Amino acid sequence: LKYMTDAEQEVFQFEPQALKLCLDGEITPGIRYKLVHRLNVSQEIASDGLSKATDQMWLAFDLGKRRNWTLTVGKQPVQLAAFEYEYNPADNYLSTRANATFDCYQIGANIAYNFLGQTLNLQVFNSGRPQFAESRYEKKALAGSWSLAGSFLEGSLNTRLGYMALQHSSSKLYSWVTTGLQVNAGAFTSEMDYYIGTYN
């Protein structure tokens, strides 16, 4: 429900903040898909060739004898190693400036290796956004990330550690290091994230 008033008009009506079409499932054992498309925002085509309203559109392939490798291709979440980043923005009352700087979803490829309750990710994705790439390089810039998501003591202690390199120009990279710590004790959860990096 939205209420707004100004010198010229008064508005009092129901208005959706987010209206999304979400499809996800398994095509065959080991091949999964996901589509998340916002219906109440501009459908303008972005520089990546998809609608600006398309948040996710990817295929994931579980590989290896034990299915402990996963290759994900398409528009997908950027692997930024921080707990704040994993929350739905609608549930996050006030983001840090660093968290708000990154784009949640980009076209790219990610390979994940799962072992002993941990997940190691290596990801390459588009990085042409103005906060990172210079204007002449916006359609050529790529980024690479490495992240480790850890879980210990049956989920009581969870960790995040990551490094990301983003192309600014043909001769310059922006680097980010991110870490996160989550402690769970019954109904109590405490989290801490640390970011250090550069952007325009």
N, C-alpha and C. Protein backbone atom coordinates (compact mmCIF):
# COMPACT_ATOMS: atom_id res chain seq x y z
N LEU A 1 0.85 -1.18 0.00
CA LEU A 1 0.00 0.00 0.00
C LEU A 1 0.89 1.24 0.00
N LYS A 2 0.65 2.15 -0.93
CA LYS A 2 1.49 3.33 -1.07
C LYS A 2 0.68 4.58 -0.82
N TYR A 3 1.22 5.46 0.00
CA TYR A 3 0.61 6.77 0.23
C TYR A 3 1.64 7.85 -0.08
N MET A 4 1.29 8.79 -0.94
CA MET A 4 2.20 9.85 -1.30
C MET A 4 1.39 11.12 -1.55
N THR A 5 1.91 12.23 -1.11
CA THR A 5 1.22 13.49 -1.37
C THR A 5 2.24 14.57 -1.70
N ASP A 6 1.89 15.46 -2.61
CA ASP A 6 2.72 16.62 -2.92
C ASP A 6 1.79 17.77 -3.24
N ALA A 7 2.33 18.84 -3.77
CA ALA A 7 1.53 20.04 -3.99
C ALA A 7 0.44 19.85 -5.04
N GLU A 8 0.62 18.87 -5.92
CA GLU A 8 -0.30 18.72 -7.04
C GLU A 8 -1.24 17.53 -6.91
N GLN A 9 -0.84 16.48 -6.22
CA GLN A 9 -1.67 15.28 -6.19
C GLN A 9 -1.49 14.50 -4.90
N GLU A 10 -2.48 13.66 -4.64
CA GLU A 10 -2.43 12.74 -3.52
C GLU A 10 -2.67 11.33 -4.04
N VAL A 11 -1.82 10.42 -3.65
CA VAL A 11 -1.93 9.03 -4.11
C VAL A 11 -2.11 8.14 -2.90
N PHE A 12 -3.13 7.28 -2.96
CA PHE A 12 -3.37 6.31 -1.90
C PHE A 12 -3.87 5.05 -2.59
N GLN A 13 -2.97 4.09 -2.84
CA GLN A 13 -3.33 2.92 -3.63
C GLN A 13 -2.39 1.76 -3.32
N PHE A 14 -2.85 0.54 -3.70
CA PHE A 14 -1.98 -0.61 -3.63
C PHE A 14 -1.03 -0.58 -4.81
N GLU A 15 0.25 -0.84 -4.54
CA GLU A 15 1.25 -0.81 -5.60
C GLU A 15 2.34 -1.83 -5.30
N PRO A 16 2.57 -2.78 -6.21
CA PRO A 16 3.61 -3.79 -5.95
C PRO A 16 5.00 -3.19 -6.08
N GLN A 17 5.84 -3.48 -5.11
CA GLN A 17 7.23 -3.05 -5.20
C GLN A 17 8.04 -3.98 -6.10
N ALA A 18 7.69 -5.25 -6.10
CA ALA A 18 8.38 -6.22 -6.94
C ALA A 18 7.38 -7.28 -7.39
N LEU A 19 7.23 -7.44 -8.68
CA LEU A 19 6.35 -8.46 -9.26
C LEU A 19 7.21 -9.26 -10.23
N LYS A 20 7.50 -10.52 -9.88
CA LYS A 20 8.46 -11.30 -10.64
C LYS A 20 7.87 -12.61 -11.13
N LEU A 21 8.36 -13.03 -12.31
CA LEU A 21 8.10 -14.37 -12.82
C LEU A 21 9.32 -15.21 -12.52
N CYS A 22 9.14 -16.30 -11.77
CA CYS A 22 10.25 -17.16 -11.38
C CYS A 22 9.99 -18.59 -11.83
N LEU A 23 10.89 -19.13 -12.59
CA LEU A 23 10.80 -20.51 -13.05
C LEU A 23 12.12 -21.20 -12.73
N ASP A 24 12.07 -22.34 -12.06
CA ASP A 24 13.28 -23.11 -11.83
C ASP A 24 12.92 -24.58 -11.73
N GLY A 25 13.85 -25.42 -12.13
CA GLY A 25 13.58 -26.85 -12.11
C GLY A 25 14.75 -27.64 -12.66
N GLU A 26 14.50 -28.91 -12.90
CA GLU A 26 15.51 -29.83 -13.39
C GLU A 26 15.04 -30.43 -14.71
N ILE A 27 15.82 -30.25 -15.76
CA ILE A 27 15.47 -30.78 -17.08
C ILE A 27 15.65 -32.29 -17.09
N THR A 28 16.83 -32.73 -16.69
CA THR A 28 17.15 -34.14 -16.47
C THR A 28 18.03 -34.18 -15.24
N PRO A 29 18.24 -35.34 -14.62
CA PRO A 29 19.13 -35.39 -13.45
C PRO A 29 20.50 -34.77 -13.77
N GLY A 30 20.85 -33.74 -13.02
CA GLY A 30 22.14 -33.09 -13.20
C GLY A 30 22.12 -31.87 -14.10
N ILE A 31 20.98 -31.52 -14.69
CA ILE A 31 20.86 -30.32 -15.52
C ILE A 31 19.69 -29.49 -15.02
N ARG A 32 19.99 -28.30 -14.48
CA ARG A 32 18.99 -27.45 -13.86
C ARG A 32 18.91 -26.09 -14.55
N TYR A 33 17.82 -25.38 -14.35
CA TYR A 33 17.65 -24.07 -14.97
C TYR A 33 16.97 -23.12 -13.99
N LYS A 34 17.12 -21.82 -14.24
CA LYS A 34 16.41 -20.82 -13.45
C LYS A 34 16.20 -19.57 -14.28
N LEU A 35 14.99 -19.00 -14.19
CA LEU A 35 14.64 -17.74 -14.82
C LEU A 35 13.95 -16.86 -13.79
N VAL A 36 14.45 -15.64 -13.61
CA VAL A 36 13.81 -14.65 -12.75
C VAL A 36 13.68 -13.37 -13.57
N HIS A 37 12.42 -12.96 -13.80
CA HIS A 37 12.16 -11.80 -14.66
C HIS A 37 11.15 -10.89 -13.97
N ARG A 38 11.53 -9.62 -13.82
CA ARG A 38 10.65 -8.64 -13.16
C ARG A 38 9.63 -8.10 -14.17
N LEU A 39 8.37 -8.07 -13.76
CA LEU A 39 7.29 -7.69 -14.66
C LEU A 39 6.89 -6.23 -14.54
N ASN A 40 7.26 -5.57 -13.46
CA ASN A 40 6.77 -4.20 -13.23
C ASN A 40 7.89 -3.16 -13.32
N VAL A 41 8.92 -3.46 -14.15
CA VAL A 41 9.97 -2.48 -14.43
C VAL A 41 10.17 -2.40 -15.94
N SER A 42 11.00 -1.47 -16.38
CA SER A 42 11.25 -1.28 -17.81
C SER A 42 11.79 -2.55 -18.46
N GLN A 43 11.26 -2.89 -19.62
CA GLN A 43 11.69 -4.07 -20.37
C GLN A 43 12.74 -3.70 -21.42
N GLU A 44 13.34 -2.55 -21.29
CA GLU A 44 14.36 -2.08 -22.24
C GLU A 44 15.52 -3.06 -22.32
N ILE A 45 16.07 -3.22 -23.53
CA ILE A 45 17.18 -4.14 -23.74
C ILE A 45 18.47 -3.49 -23.22
N ALA A 46 19.21 -4.24 -22.41
CA ALA A 46 20.46 -3.76 -21.84
C ALA A 46 21.62 -4.04 -22.79
N SER A 47 22.82 -3.58 -22.42
CA SER A 47 24.00 -3.75 -23.27
C SER A 47 24.39 -5.22 -23.42
N ASP A 48 23.93 -6.10 -22.50
CA ASP A 48 24.26 -7.52 -22.61
C ASP A 48 23.30 -8.28 -23.52
N GLY A 49 22.32 -7.55 -24.12
CA GLY A 49 21.40 -8.17 -25.06
C GLY A 49 20.15 -8.73 -24.43
N LEU A 50 20.04 -8.71 -23.11
CA LEU A 50 18.85 -9.17 -22.41
C LEU A 50 18.06 -7.97 -21.89
N SER A 51 16.81 -8.22 -21.55
CA SER A 51 16.00 -7.18 -20.94
C SER A 51 16.61 -6.77 -19.60
N LYS A 52 16.53 -5.48 -19.28
CA LYS A 52 17.00 -5.01 -17.98
C LYS A 52 16.19 -5.63 -16.84
N ALA A 53 15.02 -6.18 -17.17
CA ALA A 53 14.17 -6.79 -16.16
C ALA A 53 14.53 -8.24 -15.86
N THR A 54 15.42 -8.83 -16.65
CA THR A 54 15.82 -10.22 -16.45
C THR A 54 16.97 -10.27 -15.45
N ASP A 55 16.69 -10.78 -14.26
CA ASP A 55 17.72 -10.88 -13.23
C ASP A 55 18.56 -12.14 -13.39
N GLN A 56 17.90 -13.26 -13.63
CA GLN A 56 18.63 -14.52 -13.77
C GLN A 56 18.06 -15.32 -14.95
N MET A 57 18.97 -15.94 -15.69
CA MET A 57 18.58 -16.85 -16.77
C MET A 57 19.78 -17.75 -17.04
N TRP A 58 19.82 -18.89 -16.35
CA TRP A 58 21.00 -19.73 -16.45
C TRP A 58 20.68 -21.22 -16.51
N LEU A 59 21.68 -21.98 -16.94
CA LEU A 59 21.66 -23.44 -16.91
C LEU A 59 22.83 -23.91 -16.03
N ALA A 60 22.60 -24.93 -15.24
CA ALA A 60 23.64 -25.49 -14.38
C ALA A 60 23.79 -26.98 -14.68
N PHE A 61 25.03 -27.42 -14.79
CA PHE A 61 25.33 -28.81 -15.11
C PHE A 61 26.17 -29.41 -13.98
N ASP A 62 25.66 -30.44 -13.32
CA ASP A 62 26.42 -31.14 -12.28
C ASP A 62 27.31 -32.17 -12.96
N LEU A 63 28.62 -32.11 -12.66
CA LEU A 63 29.60 -32.91 -13.37
C LEU A 63 30.40 -33.77 -12.40
N GLY A 64 31.10 -34.76 -12.97
CA GLY A 64 31.95 -35.63 -12.18
C GLY A 64 31.22 -36.87 -11.69
N LYS A 65 31.99 -37.87 -11.34
CA LYS A 65 31.41 -39.13 -10.87
C LYS A 65 30.55 -38.94 -9.63
N ARG A 66 30.99 -38.05 -8.76
CA ARG A 66 30.25 -37.78 -7.52
C ARG A 66 29.38 -36.53 -7.62
N ARG A 67 29.28 -35.97 -8.82
CA ARG A 67 28.47 -34.76 -9.04
C ARG A 67 28.90 -33.63 -8.11
N ASN A 68 30.19 -33.54 -7.84
CA ASN A 68 30.66 -32.50 -6.93
C ASN A 68 31.24 -31.29 -7.66
N TRP A 69 31.13 -31.28 -8.97
CA TRP A 69 31.45 -30.10 -9.78
C TRP A 69 30.16 -29.57 -10.40
N THR A 70 30.02 -28.24 -10.45
CA THR A 70 28.85 -27.64 -11.09
C THR A 70 29.30 -26.49 -11.99
N LEU A 71 28.91 -26.58 -13.26
CA LEU A 71 29.18 -25.51 -14.22
C LEU A 71 27.88 -24.76 -14.47
N THR A 72 27.89 -23.43 -14.24
CA THR A 72 26.71 -22.59 -14.44
C THR A 72 27.02 -21.56 -15.51
N VAL A 73 26.17 -21.47 -16.54
CA VAL A 73 26.37 -20.51 -17.63
C VAL A 73 25.10 -19.70 -17.83
N GLY A 74 25.26 -18.41 -18.14
CA GLY A 74 24.12 -17.53 -18.36
C GLY A 74 24.15 -16.36 -17.40
N LYS A 75 23.04 -15.67 -17.27
CA LYS A 75 22.96 -14.54 -16.34
C LYS A 75 22.69 -15.09 -14.95
N GLN A 76 23.59 -14.81 -14.02
CA GLN A 76 23.61 -15.49 -12.74
C GLN A 76 24.09 -14.55 -11.64
N PRO A 77 23.93 -14.92 -10.37
CA PRO A 77 24.45 -14.09 -9.28
C PRO A 77 25.97 -14.00 -9.34
N VAL A 78 26.48 -12.80 -9.13
CA VAL A 78 27.92 -12.60 -9.03
C VAL A 78 28.40 -13.21 -7.71
N GLN A 79 29.51 -13.92 -7.74
CA GLN A 79 30.02 -14.60 -6.55
C GLN A 79 30.86 -13.62 -5.71
N LEU A 80 30.18 -12.76 -4.98
CA LEU A 80 30.84 -11.86 -4.05
C LEU A 80 30.76 -12.48 -2.66
N ALA A 81 31.90 -12.71 -2.05
CA ALA A 81 31.95 -13.46 -0.79
C ALA A 81 31.61 -12.55 0.39
N ALA A 82 30.31 -12.38 0.66
CA ALA A 82 29.85 -11.57 1.79
C ALA A 82 28.43 -11.99 2.13
N PHE A 83 28.13 -12.09 3.41
CA PHE A 83 26.79 -12.53 3.81
C PHE A 83 25.74 -11.48 3.48
N GLU A 84 26.08 -10.21 3.63
CA GLU A 84 25.13 -9.14 3.31
C GLU A 84 24.62 -9.28 1.88
N TYR A 85 25.52 -9.68 0.97
CA TYR A 85 25.20 -9.78 -0.45
C TYR A 85 24.25 -10.93 -0.76
N GLU A 86 24.15 -11.91 0.15
CA GLU A 86 23.33 -13.09 -0.11
C GLU A 86 21.85 -12.88 0.22
N TYR A 87 21.54 -11.78 0.92
CA TYR A 87 20.15 -11.51 1.26
C TYR A 87 19.40 -10.92 0.08
N ASN A 88 18.10 -11.19 0.02
CA ASN A 88 17.25 -10.52 -0.94
C ASN A 88 17.24 -9.03 -0.61
N PRO A 89 17.50 -8.15 -1.60
CA PRO A 89 17.52 -6.71 -1.31
C PRO A 89 16.26 -6.21 -0.63
N ALA A 90 15.13 -6.88 -0.88
CA ALA A 90 13.87 -6.46 -0.25
C ALA A 90 13.90 -6.69 1.26
N ASP A 91 14.78 -7.60 1.72
CA ASP A 91 14.87 -7.91 3.14
C ASP A 91 16.02 -7.17 3.82
N ASN A 92 16.78 -6.42 3.03
CA ASN A 92 17.95 -5.73 3.56
C ASN A 92 17.60 -4.26 3.76
N TYR A 93 17.41 -3.85 5.00
CA TYR A 93 16.90 -2.50 5.29
C TYR A 93 17.84 -1.41 4.79
N LEU A 94 19.14 -1.56 5.04
CA LEU A 94 20.09 -0.53 4.64
C LEU A 94 21.40 -1.20 4.25
N SER A 95 21.70 -1.23 2.95
CA SER A 95 22.94 -1.84 2.48
C SER A 95 24.13 -0.94 2.75
N THR A 96 25.30 -1.55 2.87
CA THR A 96 26.51 -0.75 2.92
C THR A 96 26.78 -0.18 1.53
N ARG A 97 27.60 0.85 1.49
CA ARG A 97 27.90 1.46 0.20
C ARG A 97 28.62 0.48 -0.73
N ALA A 98 29.51 -0.33 -0.16
CA ALA A 98 30.24 -1.30 -0.96
C ALA A 98 29.29 -2.31 -1.58
N ASN A 99 28.35 -2.82 -0.79
CA ASN A 99 27.39 -3.80 -1.30
C ASN A 99 26.54 -3.22 -2.41
N ALA A 100 26.13 -1.97 -2.26
CA ALA A 100 25.29 -1.32 -3.26
C ALA A 100 26.04 -1.02 -4.54
N THR A 101 27.37 -1.04 -4.50
CA THR A 101 28.18 -0.73 -5.68
C THR A 101 28.13 -1.84 -6.72
N PHE A 102 28.02 -3.09 -6.27
CA PHE A 102 28.07 -4.22 -7.18
C PHE A 102 26.72 -4.50 -7.82
N ASP A 103 26.76 -4.99 -9.05
CA ASP A 103 25.55 -5.48 -9.70
C ASP A 103 25.33 -6.92 -9.28
N CYS A 104 24.12 -7.22 -8.88
CA CYS A 104 23.84 -8.56 -8.35
C CYS A 104 24.00 -9.66 -9.39
N TYR A 105 23.62 -9.37 -10.64
CA TYR A 105 23.56 -10.41 -11.66
C TYR A 105 24.28 -9.97 -12.93
N GLN A 106 25.07 -10.87 -13.50
CA GLN A 106 25.79 -10.60 -14.73
C GLN A 106 25.84 -11.88 -15.57
N ILE A 107 26.02 -11.71 -16.89
CA ILE A 107 26.21 -12.87 -17.76
C ILE A 107 27.64 -13.36 -17.61
N GLY A 108 27.78 -14.66 -17.42
CA GLY A 108 29.12 -15.23 -17.26
C GLY A 108 29.06 -16.73 -17.08
N ALA A 109 30.17 -17.27 -16.60
CA ALA A 109 30.28 -18.71 -16.34
C ALA A 109 30.95 -18.92 -14.99
N ASN A 110 30.46 -19.90 -14.25
CA ASN A 110 31.00 -20.21 -12.92
C ASN A 110 31.20 -21.72 -12.80
N ILE A 111 32.36 -22.09 -12.29
CA ILE A 111 32.61 -23.49 -11.98
C ILE A 111 32.77 -23.61 -10.48
N ALA A 112 32.00 -24.51 -9.88
CA ALA A 112 32.00 -24.69 -8.43
C ALA A 112 32.43 -26.12 -8.09
N TYR A 113 33.26 -26.23 -7.06
CA TYR A 113 33.70 -27.54 -6.57
C TYR A 113 33.27 -27.67 -5.12
N ASN A 114 32.49 -28.71 -4.82
CA ASN A 114 31.96 -28.95 -3.48
C ASN A 114 32.75 -30.06 -2.80
N PHE A 115 33.27 -29.76 -1.59
CA PHE A 115 34.05 -30.75 -0.87
C PHE A 115 33.94 -30.50 0.63
N LEU A 116 33.68 -31.54 1.40
CA LEU A 116 33.65 -31.48 2.86
C LEU A 116 32.78 -30.33 3.38
N GLY A 117 31.66 -30.09 2.73
CA GLY A 117 30.76 -29.02 3.16
C GLY A 117 31.19 -27.63 2.73
N GLN A 118 32.26 -27.53 1.93
CA GLN A 118 32.74 -26.24 1.46
C GLN A 118 32.47 -26.13 -0.04
N THR A 119 32.42 -24.90 -0.54
CA THR A 119 32.22 -24.67 -1.97
C THR A 119 33.24 -23.66 -2.48
N LEU A 120 34.02 -24.07 -3.45
CA LEU A 120 34.99 -23.19 -4.09
C LEU A 120 34.45 -22.77 -5.45
N ASN A 121 34.40 -21.46 -5.70
CA ASN A 121 33.86 -20.93 -6.95
C ASN A 121 34.93 -20.18 -7.73
N LEU A 122 34.96 -20.40 -9.04
CA LEU A 122 35.74 -19.60 -9.98
C LEU A 122 34.78 -19.07 -11.04
N GLN A 123 34.74 -17.77 -11.24
CA GLN A 123 33.71 -17.17 -12.09
C GLN A 123 34.33 -16.09 -12.99
N VAL A 124 33.86 -16.02 -14.24
CA VAL A 124 34.21 -14.96 -15.18
C VAL A 124 32.90 -14.35 -15.66
N PHE A 125 32.81 -13.01 -15.68
CA PHE A 125 31.55 -12.37 -16.05
C PHE A 125 31.80 -10.98 -16.64
N ASN A 126 30.76 -10.39 -17.23
CA ASN A 126 30.85 -9.04 -17.79
C ASN A 126 31.08 -8.01 -16.69
N SER A 127 31.88 -6.99 -17.01
CA SER A 127 32.18 -5.97 -16.02
C SER A 127 32.20 -4.58 -16.64
N GLY A 128 31.27 -4.30 -17.53
CA GLY A 128 31.28 -3.03 -18.24
C GLY A 128 30.52 -1.91 -17.58
N ARG A 129 30.15 -2.06 -16.32
CA ARG A 129 29.37 -1.04 -15.64
C ARG A 129 30.21 0.20 -15.37
N PRO A 130 29.61 1.39 -15.39
CA PRO A 130 30.38 2.64 -15.27
C PRO A 130 31.13 2.80 -13.95
N GLN A 131 30.70 2.10 -12.90
CA GLN A 131 31.43 2.23 -11.64
C GLN A 131 32.77 1.48 -11.65
N PHE A 132 32.99 0.67 -12.69
CA PHE A 132 34.24 -0.07 -12.77
C PHE A 132 35.02 0.22 -14.05
N ALA A 133 34.38 0.18 -15.21
CA ALA A 133 35.09 0.30 -16.49
C ALA A 133 35.07 1.74 -16.99
N GLU A 134 36.16 2.16 -17.62
CA GLU A 134 36.15 3.47 -18.27
C GLU A 134 35.23 3.41 -19.48
N SER A 135 34.71 4.56 -19.92
CA SER A 135 33.66 4.61 -20.93
C SER A 135 34.06 3.95 -22.24
N ARG A 136 35.32 4.08 -22.65
CA ARG A 136 35.76 3.48 -23.91
C ARG A 136 35.90 1.97 -23.83
N TYR A 137 35.83 1.43 -22.60
CA TYR A 137 36.08 0.01 -22.41
C TYR A 137 34.84 -0.74 -21.91
N GLU A 138 33.70 -0.06 -21.86
CA GLU A 138 32.53 -0.64 -21.21
C GLU A 138 31.98 -1.88 -21.90
N LYS A 139 32.22 -2.04 -23.20
CA LYS A 139 31.71 -3.21 -23.91
C LYS A 139 32.76 -4.30 -24.07
N LYS A 140 33.92 -4.12 -23.45
CA LYS A 140 34.98 -5.12 -23.55
C LYS A 140 35.45 -5.62 -22.19
N ALA A 141 34.99 -4.98 -21.12
CA ALA A 141 35.52 -5.29 -19.79
C ALA A 141 34.96 -6.60 -19.25
N LEU A 142 35.83 -7.39 -18.66
CA LEU A 142 35.45 -8.63 -17.99
C LEU A 142 35.95 -8.60 -16.54
N ALA A 143 35.44 -9.50 -15.75
CA ALA A 143 35.88 -9.62 -14.36
C ALA A 143 36.03 -11.10 -14.02
N GLY A 144 36.91 -11.36 -13.08
CA GLY A 144 37.09 -12.72 -12.59
C GLY A 144 37.03 -12.74 -11.08
N SER A 145 36.44 -13.79 -10.52
CA SER A 145 36.35 -13.87 -9.06
C SER A 145 36.67 -15.29 -8.59
N TRP A 146 37.23 -15.34 -7.40
CA TRP A 146 37.49 -16.58 -6.68
C TRP A 146 36.84 -16.44 -5.32
N SER A 147 36.09 -17.43 -4.90
CA SER A 147 35.46 -17.35 -3.58
C SER A 147 35.37 -18.73 -2.95
N LEU A 148 35.40 -18.73 -1.63
CA LEU A 148 35.28 -19.96 -0.86
C LEU A 148 34.20 -19.77 0.19
N ALA A 149 33.16 -20.60 0.12
CA ALA A 149 32.08 -20.57 1.11
C ALA A 149 32.27 -21.78 2.02
N GLY A 150 32.52 -21.49 3.30
CA GLY A 150 32.80 -22.56 4.25
C GLY A 150 31.69 -22.74 5.27
N SER A 151 31.53 -23.97 5.74
CA SER A 151 30.55 -24.28 6.78
C SER A 151 31.18 -25.27 7.75
N PHE A 152 31.14 -24.91 9.06
CA PHE A 152 31.81 -25.72 10.07
C PHE A 152 30.88 -25.93 11.27
N LEU A 153 31.17 -26.96 12.05
CA LEU A 153 30.43 -27.26 13.28
C LEU A 153 28.93 -27.36 13.00
N GLU A 154 28.59 -28.12 11.95
CA GLU A 154 27.20 -28.36 11.56
C GLU A 154 26.44 -27.05 11.31
N GLY A 155 27.11 -26.09 10.69
CA GLY A 155 26.47 -24.84 10.33
C GLY A 155 26.50 -23.76 11.41
N SER A 156 27.11 -24.07 12.55
CA SER A 156 27.19 -23.07 13.61
C SER A 156 28.15 -21.94 13.26
N LEU A 157 29.16 -22.26 12.44
CA LEU A 157 30.15 -21.27 12.02
C LEU A 157 30.29 -21.34 10.51
N ASN A 158 29.98 -20.24 9.84
CA ASN A 158 30.07 -20.17 8.38
C ASN A 158 31.00 -19.03 7.99
N THR A 159 31.75 -19.25 6.93
CA THR A 159 32.73 -18.26 6.51
C THR A 159 32.62 -17.96 5.02
N ARG A 160 33.10 -16.78 4.63
CA ARG A 160 33.20 -16.39 3.23
C ARG A 160 34.57 -15.73 3.03
N LEU A 161 35.19 -16.03 1.90
CA LEU A 161 36.47 -15.42 1.55
C LEU A 161 36.52 -15.29 0.03
N GLY A 162 36.85 -14.11 -0.47
CA GLY A 162 36.84 -13.94 -1.91
C GLY A 162 37.80 -12.87 -2.40
N TYR A 163 38.16 -13.00 -3.68
CA TYR A 163 38.97 -12.00 -4.37
C TYR A 163 38.35 -11.79 -5.74
N MET A 164 38.27 -10.53 -6.18
CA MET A 164 37.68 -10.20 -7.46
C MET A 164 38.56 -9.19 -8.18
N ALA A 165 38.81 -9.40 -9.47
CA ALA A 165 39.55 -8.47 -10.31
C ALA A 165 38.65 -8.02 -11.45
N LEU A 166 38.49 -6.70 -11.62
CA LEU A 166 37.59 -6.14 -12.62
C LEU A 166 38.38 -5.24 -13.56
N GLN A 167 38.20 -5.42 -14.88
CA GLN A 167 38.92 -4.61 -15.85
C GLN A 167 38.38 -3.18 -15.85
N HIS A 168 39.28 -2.23 -15.70
CA HIS A 168 38.93 -0.82 -15.85
C HIS A 168 39.29 -0.33 -17.25
N SER A 169 40.42 -0.77 -17.75
CA SER A 169 40.88 -0.45 -19.09
C SER A 169 41.81 -1.56 -19.54
N SER A 170 42.45 -1.39 -20.69
CA SER A 170 43.33 -2.43 -21.20
C SER A 170 44.57 -2.62 -20.34
N SER A 171 44.88 -1.64 -19.49
CA SER A 171 46.10 -1.72 -18.69
C SER A 171 45.87 -1.58 -17.19
N LYS A 172 44.60 -1.57 -16.76
CA LYS A 172 44.32 -1.32 -15.35
C LYS A 172 43.21 -2.22 -14.84
N LEU A 173 43.41 -2.78 -13.64
CA LEU A 173 42.42 -3.61 -12.98
C LEU A 173 42.02 -2.98 -11.65
N TYR A 174 40.75 -3.15 -11.28
CA TYR A 174 40.31 -2.83 -9.93
C TYR A 174 40.21 -4.15 -9.17
N SER A 175 40.70 -4.16 -7.94
CA SER A 175 40.69 -5.38 -7.13
C SER A 175 39.83 -5.21 -5.90
N TRP A 176 39.16 -6.31 -5.51
CA TRP A 176 38.35 -6.32 -4.29
C TRP A 176 38.66 -7.58 -3.50
N VAL A 177 38.80 -7.43 -2.20
CA VAL A 177 38.92 -8.56 -1.27
C VAL A 177 37.72 -8.50 -0.33
N THR A 178 37.03 -9.61 -0.16
CA THR A 178 35.85 -9.64 0.70
C THR A 178 35.94 -10.84 1.64
N THR A 179 35.48 -10.65 2.87
CA THR A 179 35.44 -11.74 3.84
C THR A 179 34.13 -11.64 4.63
N GLY A 180 33.69 -12.76 5.13
CA GLY A 180 32.48 -12.77 5.94
C GLY A 180 32.53 -13.85 7.01
N LEU A 181 31.89 -13.58 8.14
CA LEU A 181 31.82 -14.54 9.24
C LEU A 181 30.42 -14.55 9.79
N GLN A 182 29.83 -15.72 9.93
CA GLN A 182 28.49 -15.88 10.48
C GLN A 182 28.54 -16.89 11.62
N VAL A 183 27.97 -16.51 12.78
CA VAL A 183 27.91 -17.39 13.95
C VAL A 183 26.44 -17.64 14.27
N ASN A 184 26.05 -18.91 14.37
CA ASN A 184 24.68 -19.30 14.69
C ASN A 184 24.65 -20.06 16.01
N ALA A 185 23.79 -19.62 16.92
CA ALA A 185 23.61 -20.29 18.21
C ALA A 185 22.12 -20.31 18.52
N GLY A 186 21.47 -21.42 18.20
CA GLY A 186 20.02 -21.49 18.39
C GLY A 186 19.33 -20.50 17.48
N ALA A 187 18.50 -19.64 18.07
CA ALA A 187 17.77 -18.64 17.28
C ALA A 187 18.60 -17.37 17.05
N PHE A 188 19.82 -17.34 17.58
CA PHE A 188 20.67 -16.14 17.48
C PHE A 188 21.63 -16.28 16.30
N THR A 189 21.72 -15.23 15.48
CA THR A 189 22.67 -15.18 14.37
C THR A 189 23.41 -13.85 14.39
N SER A 190 24.72 -13.92 14.26
CA SER A 190 25.54 -12.71 14.18
C SER A 190 26.42 -12.81 12.94
N GLU A 191 26.51 -11.70 12.19
CA GLU A 191 27.27 -11.70 10.94
C GLU A 191 28.19 -10.49 10.88
N MET A 192 29.33 -10.67 10.25
CA MET A 192 30.25 -9.57 10.01
C MET A 192 30.87 -9.74 8.63
N ASP A 193 30.86 -8.68 7.82
CA ASP A 193 31.50 -8.68 6.51
C ASP A 193 32.56 -7.59 6.47
N TYR A 194 33.59 -7.81 5.65
CA TYR A 194 34.63 -6.82 5.46
C TYR A 194 34.93 -6.71 3.97
N TYR A 195 34.90 -5.49 3.44
CA TYR A 195 35.19 -5.24 2.04
C TYR A 195 36.38 -4.29 1.93
N ILE A 196 37.24 -4.49 0.95
CA ILE A 196 38.23 -3.48 0.61
C ILE A 196 38.45 -3.55 -0.90
N GLY A 197 38.35 -2.40 -1.57
CA GLY A 197 38.48 -2.39 -3.01
C GLY A 197 38.35 -0.99 -3.58
N THR A 198 38.35 -0.92 -4.91
CA THR A 198 38.36 0.36 -5.63
C THR A 198 37.30 0.37 -6.72
N TYR A 199 36.67 1.52 -6.90
CA TYR A 199 35.76 1.73 -8.02
C TYR A 199 35.78 3.21 -8.40
N ASN A 200 35.15 3.55 -9.54
CA ASN A 200 35.17 4.93 -10.02
C ASN A 200 34.45 5.87 -9.07
